[in-house]
Every structure is written in C-alpha cells, then in structure tokens.
C-alpha cells in the first residue's frame, strides 16, 4: 500500500509527521509524494490560529476529493483534531480516522485498526506482511519517547524536539489547551538522537520546543539548555547548532556565554517578544516588560557583536491603544531587529483573551500589521548593507532553477523562515551540497544576500 503525507503548521508538527512516516515504513508501506497515487493519505494539522485552521480544513476537504479516486483511507491527526474532533466528524464524513494529539500514545494502534477495517471491505488492499509480523511479535510504539524518524527536510539539517507543550499560559495562546503543560525530554535521550542524526550526515541541528529556554525546568528543577548545548557541541560531525523560541525572561548570562563562546552554536536568538508596551504585555500575561526587553537586546548586542536577533510581534491585541502601537512602532525603529515576523491578533476559542473587552476592529489590525511590515522591510535593507564586502561561512544547499547560482544559508538564516544566500562560484568551480564554504558578500536584497566564492 502507498501512503502520502501532508504536514501543516510548525516544525514541532513536522517532527511528529516524520515519526509517523517512519512507523508506516517500518511496517512495509510505501511512502509517496503525490496524493493522487496514494492508497492512504495522512494529514497532520495545525489549529493554532484562524488562518492555520482554515488552511487545515481546506486541505482536508481537498484530500477528501481523492476518496472517490485512488484513496481508500483518509487519516487526519494533530492540533486541529485535538480542538474540534467532534465537530469535524460531523462535517467531514469522508475521513476514516481522526487522531487527537492527546491520543498519540496509541497512534499506531488506531491506524492499524482502521486499516484492518478498510482492508476487510476492500479486497485490493492488503496489510503488508511486515505489519502482520510486527503485530504477532507484539511490537508497540511509544510516541512520547525516542523513535526513528524519516527526515523530510533534506540531507543537511534536521529539527530536534527537546520538549513539548507549554506552561506559560499567555492569554492569547491555545497551545497549553492543545498540547498540555511543558514536558521536557531527558537529556540523554536528546543527545542519543543527535548522535544518530550526525551519523546519518546531518550537519545542522535545530532545537525546537514551545519555549526552549525553559528546557528541563519540569524534570530537573532548573533550566538546562546551556548544558544541553554544550554536550551537543561535543558530538563529532555536527557543525551548527541553533535553538528556536527563546522567551526573553529566561535568557540568562549562562546561556548568553554559551552562545558567545561555543563555536558550534550559531550567534542567533529567536526571541518572541510579542509587544513592548507594558499594558499590552500585562494583558497577554507575558512575564517580561518593556524595560527588561530593551536591556536584553542591548546586552546581547554588547556581548555578541555579530548576533542576529529575530523576533515576532503581535498587533491588535484587545485593548491595544493608539499609544501602545506607537510605542511598539518606535521600538521597532530603535531596535532594528535583523529578522521580524508580525501577526494580527486572532481570537481563539477557550483562551482568556477571547473574553477581554476592547477587541480591536479588523481593519485597524490590518493597518497596524502593514505599518510594521513596511517598516521592517526598510530596517532589513539597512541591516543588510552592513554585510557588504564581508566574508561569510555558508552551507551549500542546492542551485537555482536556472543554474545561475548555488543557494545556501549562513548562520543568520533559519531554513524556510529567513533569507537565502545566492552564491556565484568562480568559473569551473563545483560546489557540493552539504559543503561549508567561505564567500564574500557582493550584493544585497531586502532579505537575501548574493556572494562570490
């Protein structure tokens, strides 16, 4: 049987998808990239904000169209299912199995059961022999512990989930209600998985969690991200290590020093500040304030002169006044973040912010969003100018469609999120995917660099 996958949402979701792909492969199923040839289609959904929910529902409906063609089994898993399983079951009967995130411990058992039911009705579908043998031998999967993955991000980098869930309880966020409180993985297990990734040739490891800086607080009684970074850097063949989603209030001197002094840890901080105005931060139930955020940004740049700081901000949160927005806009001008993402507040069911008074008009949110993004475009272009003529180490990842340039990333770029480095190689010089090369910046774009090697 052929199985096709679609993974929506964040990189944490992608890791869950990669584990599920591995389950199918280990049980003798063939993985395909085109849904039109798949006997089984699996969609891993996101249910974080309204736009993500709409994308997920549209994708499910699109995949349901294949039920009358080749597809015999449609499986939907993930965060959207956790939040809306009962409603979805009623509205989209074409789906054979809905798997809540909270039921991942028995994910494979649920999949096996529904496939068994379908194969009994469809003579042309047969359960692979490997699956039958594993069932006879009592093979089980524990989705919450280490298990093999089929990496879908190429051959150079891989995501490594170090914790799941979140205990921060920001008033706008549904993650704690979907994925529960933070649960950190044991350090030994993370290191073992990193070693296996390194042995397979992955040169960049990207640590992910909802809040990486709180890694270990739930199982060790204190944050242990600095220690984890140090131990991971001792693994041969890993060249770059970075971590995403570092909350400002838990970035301490120990972590800053590890990033500053460890040659394998990229000088890159992804810090979702969300806002700078204290009244807004307080209503968001954020643990930081405007003054502490300003001090942190200054400290990072003083300690690590070539540090790259990425952030996300939210506009249109309930009660955000004109003065609050103007303070945020002025701070964006002052801080000149290297990378920035902006989101309009999305009213999510079941969150405390849903019930807050003074909800902002959609047109006001849209206007504020465009003002921030327009400003950041100018800021980014100014920031890029400082790289002209400088040398950068770049990880080669491929070539452009016209073969005019090689493409890659520097320490300043997270895959799929940040910019691209376009590389002009000297005539006759061949660059290999996965190579780290030194090159010189000769041109800039708003978000990308052009280099010569």
Protein backbone atom coordinates (compact mmCIF):
# COMPACT_ATOMS: atom_id res chain seq x y z
CA UNK A 1 0.00 0.00 0.00
CA UNK A 2 1.12 3.52 -0.83
CA UNK A 3 0.88 6.28 1.81
CA UNK A 4 1.04 10.04 1.18
CA UNK A 5 1.62 12.69 3.87
CA UNK A 6 0.86 16.39 4.25
CA UNK A 7 2.30 18.19 7.27
CA UNK A 8 0.92 21.61 8.20
CA UNK A 9 1.99 24.12 10.83
CA UNK A 10 5.17 24.35 12.84
CA UNK A 11 8.42 22.39 12.88
CA UNK A 12 7.26 20.57 16.03
CA UNK A 13 4.36 19.21 13.99
CA UNK A 14 6.80 18.21 11.25
CA UNK A 15 8.77 16.07 13.72
CA UNK A 16 5.54 14.27 14.65
CA UNK A 17 4.87 13.69 10.95
CA UNK A 18 8.37 12.31 10.43
CA UNK A 19 7.83 9.82 13.25
CA UNK A 20 4.54 8.70 11.71
CA UNK A 21 6.17 8.26 8.30
CA UNK A 22 8.77 6.02 9.97
CA UNK A 23 6.01 3.91 11.53
CA UNK A 24 4.50 3.23 8.13
CA UNK A 25 7.88 2.49 6.53
CA UNK A 26 8.86 0.08 9.29
CA UNK A 27 5.59 -1.76 8.71
CA UNK A 28 6.15 -2.26 4.99
CA UNK A 29 4.17 0.60 3.49
CA UNK A 30 5.50 2.61 0.54
CA UNK A 31 5.73 6.39 1.04
CA UNK A 32 4.73 8.54 -1.97
CA UNK A 33 4.76 12.30 -2.56
CA UNK A 34 1.65 12.59 -4.73
CA UNK A 35 -1.81 12.16 -3.14
CA UNK A 36 -3.30 11.06 -6.47
CA UNK A 37 -1.40 7.76 -6.27
CA UNK A 38 -1.81 7.14 -2.52
CA UNK A 39 -3.98 4.37 -1.08
CA UNK A 40 -3.76 6.08 2.31
CA UNK A 41 -3.49 9.85 2.90
CA UNK A 42 -2.39 11.27 6.25
CA UNK A 43 -2.74 14.98 7.07
CA UNK A 44 -1.11 16.40 10.21
CA UNK A 45 -2.98 19.60 11.04
CA UNK A 46 -2.33 22.86 12.85
CA UNK A 47 -5.02 24.52 14.95
CA UNK A 48 -3.10 27.42 16.44
CA UNK A 49 -4.73 30.49 14.85
CA UNK A 50 -7.63 31.15 12.49
CA UNK A 51 -5.57 31.21 9.28
CA UNK A 52 -3.94 27.88 10.21
CA UNK A 53 -7.33 26.32 10.93
CA UNK A 54 -8.69 27.50 7.59
CA UNK A 55 -5.67 26.07 5.77
CA UNK A 56 -6.11 22.74 7.57
CA UNK A 57 -9.81 22.46 6.77
CA UNK A 58 -9.26 23.39 3.12
CA UNK A 59 -6.51 20.76 2.88
CA UNK A 60 -8.73 18.08 4.43
CA UNK A 61 -11.55 18.88 2.00
CA UNK A 62 -9.12 18.77 -0.92
CA UNK A 63 -7.79 15.38 0.17
CA UNK A 64 -11.34 14.11 0.68
CA UNK A 65 -11.85 14.57 -3.08
CA UNK A 66 -9.41 11.69 -3.62
CA UNK A 67 -11.66 9.30 -1.69
CA UNK A 68 -13.63 8.70 -4.87
CA UNK A 69 -10.48 8.06 -6.88
CA UNK A 70 -7.45 6.15 -5.55
CA UNK A 71 -7.57 6.87 -1.84
CA UNK A 72 -9.20 4.23 0.33
CA UNK A 73 -8.27 5.63 3.73
CA UNK A 74 -8.05 9.26 4.88
CA UNK A 75 -6.43 9.87 8.29
CA UNK A 76 -6.34 13.28 9.98
CA UNK A 77 -4.19 13.92 13.04
CA UNK A 78 -2.81 16.87 15.01
CA UNK A 79 -3.79 20.03 16.83
CA UNK A 80 -6.94 20.86 14.85
CA UNK A 81 -8.32 17.43 15.69
CA UNK A 82 -7.49 17.93 19.37
CA UNK A 83 -9.63 21.07 19.45
CA UNK A 84 -12.51 20.22 17.12
CA UNK A 85 -12.73 16.43 16.65
CA UNK A 86 -16.47 16.11 17.37
CA UNK A 87 -17.46 18.97 15.06
CA UNK A 88 -15.16 17.76 12.29
CA UNK A 89 -16.51 14.20 12.42
CA UNK A 90 -20.00 15.52 11.73
CA UNK A 91 -18.98 17.88 8.94
CA UNK A 92 -16.47 15.73 7.01
CA UNK A 93 -17.67 12.10 6.99
CA UNK A 94 -15.17 11.16 4.25
CA UNK A 95 -12.43 10.96 6.92
CA UNK A 96 -11.87 7.42 8.21
CA UNK A 97 -9.87 8.28 11.33
CA UNK A 98 -9.42 11.42 13.44
CA UNK A 99 -6.48 11.20 15.87
CA UNK A 100 -6.21 13.71 18.70
CA UNK A 101 -2.76 14.90 19.75
CA UNK A 102 -3.50 13.68 23.30
CA UNK A 103 -4.02 10.15 21.90
CA UNK A 104 -0.64 9.88 20.15
CA UNK A 105 0.50 7.23 22.65
CA UNK A 106 -1.80 4.81 20.80
CA UNK A 107 -1.46 6.40 17.37
CA UNK A 108 -0.24 3.31 15.56
CA UNK A 109 -2.83 1.06 17.20
CA UNK A 110 -5.57 3.39 15.95
CA UNK A 111 -4.11 3.44 12.44
CA UNK A 112 -3.78 -0.35 12.32
CA UNK A 113 -7.37 -0.82 13.45
CA UNK A 114 -8.89 1.47 10.83
CA UNK A 115 -6.73 -0.03 8.04
CA UNK A 116 -7.82 -3.52 9.15
CA UNK A 117 -11.47 -2.46 8.92
CA UNK A 118 -10.97 -1.00 5.45
CA UNK A 119 -8.96 -3.97 4.12
CA UNK A 120 -11.77 -6.28 5.13
CA UNK A 121 -14.04 -4.28 2.79
CA UNK A 122 -11.51 -3.70 0.01
CA UNK A 123 -10.05 -6.87 -1.49
CA UNK A 124 -7.43 -4.92 -3.46
CA UNK A 125 -5.92 -3.55 -0.26
CA UNK A 126 -3.77 -5.93 1.73
CA UNK A 127 -1.98 -5.32 5.03
CA UNK A 128 1.80 -5.59 4.37
CA UNK A 129 3.46 -8.74 5.68
CA UNK A 130 5.81 -6.66 7.86
CA UNK A 131 2.84 -5.18 9.69
CA UNK A 132 1.36 -8.62 10.33
CA UNK A 133 4.67 -9.94 11.66
CA UNK A 134 5.15 -6.96 13.95
CA UNK A 135 1.64 -7.38 15.33
CA UNK A 136 2.27 -11.08 16.01
CA UNK A 137 5.52 -10.22 17.80
CA UNK A 138 3.81 -7.63 19.97
CA UNK A 139 5.69 -4.63 18.56
CA UNK A 140 4.39 -1.34 20.01
CA UNK A 141 5.34 2.32 19.61
CA UNK A 142 5.61 4.87 22.38
CA UNK A 143 5.11 8.14 20.56
CA UNK A 144 6.30 10.21 23.51
CA UNK A 145 9.72 8.54 23.71
CA UNK A 146 12.55 8.41 21.20
CA UNK A 147 11.74 6.63 17.99
CA UNK A 148 13.12 6.65 14.48
CA UNK A 149 12.05 9.35 12.04
CA UNK A 150 12.14 9.77 8.29
CA UNK A 151 13.72 13.20 7.95
CA UNK A 152 11.87 15.26 5.34
CA UNK A 153 13.99 18.42 5.42
CA UNK A 154 16.76 17.24 3.12
CA UNK A 155 20.21 15.92 3.92
CA UNK A 156 21.86 18.86 5.70
CA UNK A 157 19.71 19.84 8.68
CA UNK A 158 17.18 18.28 11.00
CA UNK A 159 14.88 19.52 13.73
CA UNK A 160 15.31 18.02 17.19
CA UNK A 161 12.39 18.40 19.57
CA UNK A 162 13.60 18.82 23.17
CA UNK A 163 10.24 19.46 24.85
CA UNK A 164 6.57 19.60 24.06
CA UNK A 165 3.64 21.55 25.44
CA UNK A 166 3.85 24.89 27.26
CA UNK A 167 3.26 26.11 30.80
CA UNK A 168 3.47 29.86 30.14
CA UNK A 169 -0.29 30.41 29.78
CA UNK A 170 -0.18 33.53 27.62
CA UNK A 171 -3.78 34.71 27.42
CA UNK A 172 -3.97 34.60 23.61
CA UNK A 173 -2.43 31.16 23.11
CA UNK A 174 -4.24 27.84 22.70
CA UNK A 175 -1.10 25.65 22.84
CA UNK A 176 -1.45 24.69 26.55
CA UNK A 177 -5.02 23.57 25.86
CA UNK A 178 -3.95 21.54 22.82
CA UNK A 179 -0.58 20.08 23.85
CA UNK A 180 -0.75 20.45 27.63
CA UNK A 181 1.94 21.73 30.01
CA UNK A 182 5.64 21.59 29.16
CA UNK A 183 7.15 18.11 29.17
CA UNK A 184 10.91 18.06 28.61
CA UNK A 185 12.71 15.06 27.16
CA UNK A 186 15.57 13.51 29.11
CA UNK A 187 18.92 14.98 28.13
CA UNK A 188 20.47 11.58 27.48
CA UNK A 189 17.72 10.72 25.02
CA UNK A 190 18.15 14.02 23.13
CA UNK A 191 21.92 13.50 22.89
CA UNK A 192 21.47 9.95 21.62
CA UNK A 193 19.10 11.13 18.90
CA UNK A 194 21.52 13.92 17.93
CA UNK A 195 24.33 11.36 17.59
CA UNK A 196 22.19 9.26 15.26
CA UNK A 197 21.41 12.34 13.16
CA UNK A 198 25.12 13.20 13.00
CA UNK A 199 25.97 9.63 11.96
CA UNK A 200 23.50 9.98 9.09
CA UNK A 201 25.27 13.11 7.87
CA UNK A 202 23.13 15.92 9.25
CA UNK A 203 25.43 18.87 9.89
CA UNK A 204 22.97 21.32 11.43
CA UNK A 205 20.73 20.53 14.40
CA UNK A 206 17.86 22.90 15.19
CA UNK A 207 16.47 22.52 18.71
CA UNK A 208 12.75 23.21 18.96
CA UNK A 209 10.17 23.46 21.72
CA UNK A 210 7.41 25.88 22.53
CA UNK A 211 9.86 27.57 24.93
CA UNK A 212 13.39 26.20 24.54
CA UNK A 213 14.86 28.37 27.29
CA UNK A 214 12.71 26.61 29.90
CA UNK A 215 14.02 23.21 28.82
CA UNK A 216 14.49 20.96 31.85
CA UNK A 217 12.66 23.05 34.44
CA UNK A 218 9.89 20.46 34.75
CA UNK A 219 12.10 17.38 35.14
CA UNK A 220 15.36 18.76 36.55
CA UNK A 221 14.08 21.67 38.63
CA UNK A 222 16.06 24.23 36.62
CA UNK A 223 16.68 25.30 33.05
CA UNK A 224 19.41 23.19 31.44
CA UNK A 225 19.56 24.47 27.88
CA UNK A 226 23.13 25.80 28.28
CA UNK A 227 24.31 22.38 29.43
CA UNK A 228 22.44 20.64 26.63
CA UNK A 229 24.00 22.95 24.01
CA UNK A 230 27.47 22.25 25.41
CA UNK A 231 27.01 18.47 25.32
CA UNK A 232 25.54 18.52 21.82
CA UNK A 233 28.53 20.54 20.59
CA UNK A 234 30.82 17.67 21.63
CA UNK A 235 29.25 15.37 19.02
CA UNK A 236 31.59 14.96 16.01
CA UNK A 237 30.29 15.97 12.55
CA UNK A 238 27.69 18.41 13.86
CA UNK A 239 28.80 21.83 12.60
CA UNK A 240 25.93 24.16 13.54
CA UNK A 241 23.51 24.11 16.47
CA UNK A 242 20.72 26.61 16.93
CA UNK A 243 17.63 26.83 19.13
CA UNK A 244 14.29 28.48 18.36
CA UNK A 245 11.70 30.24 20.51
CA UNK A 246 13.75 31.65 23.40
CA UNK A 247 11.49 33.62 25.72
CA UNK A 248 13.13 36.88 26.85
CA UNK A 249 12.66 36.45 30.60
CA UNK A 250 14.63 33.19 30.68
CA UNK A 251 17.65 34.23 28.61
CA UNK A 252 20.31 34.47 31.33
CA UNK A 253 24.06 35.14 31.48
CA UNK A 254 24.93 31.43 31.34
CA UNK A 255 23.04 30.94 28.08
CA UNK A 256 24.49 34.10 26.55
CA UNK A 257 28.03 32.96 27.37
CA UNK A 258 27.48 29.51 25.81
CA UNK A 259 26.23 31.11 22.60
CA UNK A 260 29.11 33.60 22.67
CA UNK A 261 31.93 31.12 23.34
CA UNK A 262 30.82 27.83 21.76
CA UNK A 263 31.95 27.79 18.13
CA UNK A 264 29.23 25.37 17.05
CA UNK A 265 26.30 27.34 18.48
CA UNK A 266 25.08 29.91 15.96
CA UNK A 267 25.05 33.53 17.12
CA UNK A 268 21.30 33.61 16.56
CA UNK A 269 18.48 34.31 19.01
CA UNK A 270 14.82 33.83 18.13
CA UNK A 271 13.04 35.85 20.83
CA UNK A 272 9.24 36.24 20.53
CA UNK A 273 8.71 39.48 22.48
CA UNK A 274 5.12 39.95 21.16
CA UNK A 275 4.98 43.60 22.26
CA UNK A 276 6.86 46.33 24.11
CA UNK A 277 4.06 48.32 25.77
CA UNK A 278 3.64 47.21 29.38
CA UNK A 279 -0.19 47.42 29.47
CA UNK A 280 -0.38 45.04 26.48
CA UNK A 281 2.27 42.66 27.86
CA UNK A 282 0.38 42.51 31.15
CA UNK A 283 -2.93 41.64 29.46
CA UNK A 284 -1.07 38.99 27.45
CA UNK A 285 0.20 37.51 30.75
CA UNK A 286 3.77 37.81 29.49
CA UNK A 287 6.47 37.56 32.16
CA UNK A 288 8.70 40.26 30.64
CA UNK A 289 8.21 44.01 30.44
CA UNK A 290 9.34 46.77 28.12
CA UNK A 291 12.35 47.75 30.21
CA UNK A 292 13.66 44.18 30.59
CA UNK A 293 13.27 43.54 26.85
CA UNK A 294 15.22 46.69 25.96
CA UNK A 295 18.00 45.75 28.38
CA UNK A 296 18.18 42.21 26.99
CA UNK A 297 18.52 43.36 23.37
CA UNK A 298 21.28 45.78 24.34
CA UNK A 299 23.09 43.14 26.38
CA UNK A 300 23.01 40.57 23.58
CA UNK A 301 24.48 43.06 21.12
CA UNK A 302 27.12 44.23 23.58
CA UNK A 303 28.18 40.67 24.42
CA UNK A 304 27.92 39.20 20.91
CA UNK A 305 28.57 41.96 18.32
CA UNK A 306 27.62 39.79 15.33
CA UNK A 307 24.49 38.37 16.96
CA UNK A 308 21.38 38.02 14.80
CA UNK A 309 18.11 38.63 16.63
CA UNK A 310 14.79 37.52 15.26
CA UNK A 311 11.51 38.37 16.95
CA UNK A 312 7.76 38.19 16.50
CA UNK A 313 5.28 40.87 17.48
CA UNK A 314 1.51 40.89 17.67
CA UNK A 315 -0.68 43.85 16.74
CA UNK A 316 -4.33 44.39 17.52
CA UNK A 317 -4.37 42.60 20.87
CA UNK A 318 -7.54 43.51 22.83
CA UNK A 319 -7.12 46.91 24.42
CA UNK A 320 -4.08 47.91 22.35
CA UNK A 321 -4.39 51.69 22.18
CA UNK A 322 -3.01 54.01 19.55
CA UNK A 323 -0.31 54.97 22.06
CA UNK A 324 0.57 51.31 22.69
CA UNK A 325 1.00 50.73 18.96
CA UNK A 326 3.06 53.89 18.53
CA UNK A 327 5.38 52.70 21.31
CA UNK A 328 5.79 49.36 19.52
CA UNK A 329 6.45 51.11 16.19
CA UNK A 330 9.04 53.42 17.77
CA UNK A 331 10.75 50.44 19.40
CA UNK A 332 10.96 48.65 16.04
CA UNK A 333 12.73 51.74 14.66
CA UNK A 334 15.06 51.81 17.66
CA UNK A 335 15.83 48.08 17.98
CA UNK A 336 16.32 47.44 14.25
CA UNK A 337 15.74 43.68 14.56
CA UNK A 338 17.59 41.60 11.99
CA UNK A 339 14.53 39.44 11.37
CA UNK A 340 10.92 40.06 12.33
CA UNK A 341 7.56 38.40 11.90
CA UNK A 342 4.31 40.21 12.65
CA UNK A 343 0.91 38.70 13.40
CA UNK A 344 -2.51 40.23 13.83
CA UNK A 345 -4.25 39.01 16.98
CA UNK A 346 -6.53 36.06 16.29
CA UNK A 347 -9.43 35.48 18.67
CA UNK A 348 -9.15 31.84 19.74
CA UNK A 349 -11.91 29.86 21.43
CA UNK A 350 -11.22 28.85 25.02
CA UNK A 351 -8.41 31.34 25.64
CA UNK A 352 -8.71 34.09 28.29
CA UNK A 353 -8.09 36.80 25.67
CA UNK A 354 -11.27 35.75 23.88
CA UNK A 355 -13.28 37.30 26.70
CA UNK A 356 -11.28 40.51 27.04
CA UNK A 357 -13.05 43.78 26.36
CA UNK A 358 -11.98 46.32 23.74
CA UNK A 359 -11.45 43.87 20.88
CA UNK A 360 -9.75 45.72 18.02
CA UNK A 361 -11.51 46.27 14.69
CA UNK A 362 -10.14 44.01 11.90
CA UNK A 363 -9.31 46.99 9.66
CA UNK A 364 -7.28 48.59 12.46
CA UNK A 365 -5.37 45.34 12.97
CA UNK A 366 -4.70 45.08 9.25
CA UNK A 367 -3.46 48.68 9.07
CA UNK A 368 -1.11 48.21 12.03
CA UNK A 369 0.22 44.96 10.57
CA UNK A 370 1.10 46.60 7.26
CA UNK A 371 2.77 49.54 9.01
CA UNK A 372 5.04 47.20 10.99
CA UNK A 373 5.93 45.08 7.97
CA UNK A 374 6.61 48.13 5.81
CA UNK A 375 8.93 49.49 8.48
CA UNK A 376 10.72 46.14 8.84
CA UNK A 377 11.35 46.00 5.11
CA UNK A 378 13.25 49.29 5.39
CA UNK A 379 15.07 48.16 8.54
CA UNK A 380 16.07 44.86 6.95
CA UNK A 381 17.52 46.59 3.90
CA UNK A 382 19.56 48.91 6.14
CA UNK A 383 20.77 45.95 8.19
CA UNK A 384 21.80 44.03 5.10
CA UNK A 385 24.09 46.84 3.93
CA UNK A 386 26.48 46.20 6.81
CA UNK A 387 27.31 42.79 5.33
CA UNK A 388 28.59 44.15 2.00
CA UNK A 389 32.21 43.15 1.45
CA UNK A 390 32.28 40.83 4.46
CA UNK A 391 33.14 37.13 4.43
CA UNK A 392 30.56 34.58 5.50
CA UNK A 393 30.58 30.85 6.08
CA UNK A 394 27.72 29.38 4.05
CA UNK A 395 26.18 25.91 4.00
CA UNK A 396 25.54 24.99 0.34
CA UNK A 397 22.05 23.53 -0.15
CA UNK A 398 21.40 23.46 -3.89
CA UNK A 399 21.13 25.52 -7.07
CA UNK A 400 18.61 27.90 -8.58
CA UNK A 401 16.30 26.61 -11.30
CA UNK A 402 18.32 28.36 -14.00
CA UNK A 403 21.61 27.00 -12.53
CA UNK A 404 22.92 30.57 -12.39
CA UNK A 405 23.59 30.48 -8.65
CA UNK A 406 24.21 27.98 -5.91
CA UNK A 407 21.94 28.51 -2.90
CA UNK A 408 22.70 28.22 0.78
CA UNK A 409 22.37 29.69 4.24
CA UNK A 410 24.63 31.45 6.69
CA UNK A 411 24.42 31.34 10.50
CA UNK A 412 21.94 34.22 10.13
CA UNK A 413 19.28 32.13 8.38
CA UNK A 414 16.83 29.56 9.69
CA UNK A 415 15.50 27.26 6.93
CA UNK A 416 12.16 28.21 5.38
CA UNK A 417 11.89 31.28 7.63
CA UNK A 418 14.78 33.63 6.89
CA UNK A 419 16.68 34.65 3.78
CA UNK A 420 18.76 32.79 1.21
CA UNK A 421 22.39 33.25 0.22
CA UNK A 422 22.90 33.12 -3.54
CA UNK A 423 26.44 32.07 -4.42
CA UNK A 424 28.33 32.92 -7.61
CA UNK A 425 31.04 30.29 -7.94
CA UNK A 426 34.21 31.03 -9.88
CA UNK A 427 34.21 29.63 -13.40
CA UNK A 428 34.89 25.91 -13.32
CA UNK A 429 34.44 25.66 -9.55
CA UNK A 430 31.95 22.98 -8.45
CA UNK A 431 30.26 23.28 -5.06
CA UNK A 432 28.76 20.25 -3.38
CA UNK A 433 25.53 20.23 -1.42
CA UNK A 434 26.37 19.97 2.28
CA UNK A 435 29.72 21.78 1.96
CA UNK A 436 30.58 24.70 4.19
CA UNK A 437 32.31 27.36 2.13
CA UNK A 438 33.68 30.86 2.72
CA UNK A 439 32.38 33.56 0.39
CA UNK A 440 32.21 37.35 0.14
CA UNK A 441 29.00 39.40 0.08
CA UNK A 442 28.86 41.44 -3.14
CA UNK A 443 25.16 42.39 -3.42
CA UNK A 444 22.13 42.67 -1.14
CA UNK A 445 18.37 42.42 -1.43
CA UNK A 446 15.72 43.26 1.18
CA UNK A 447 16.18 39.87 2.83
CA UNK A 448 18.75 37.91 0.75
CA UNK A 449 22.47 38.11 0.03
CA UNK A 450 24.49 37.49 -3.14
CA UNK A 451 28.03 36.23 -2.55
CA UNK A 452 31.05 35.22 -4.57
CA UNK A 453 33.13 32.15 -3.82
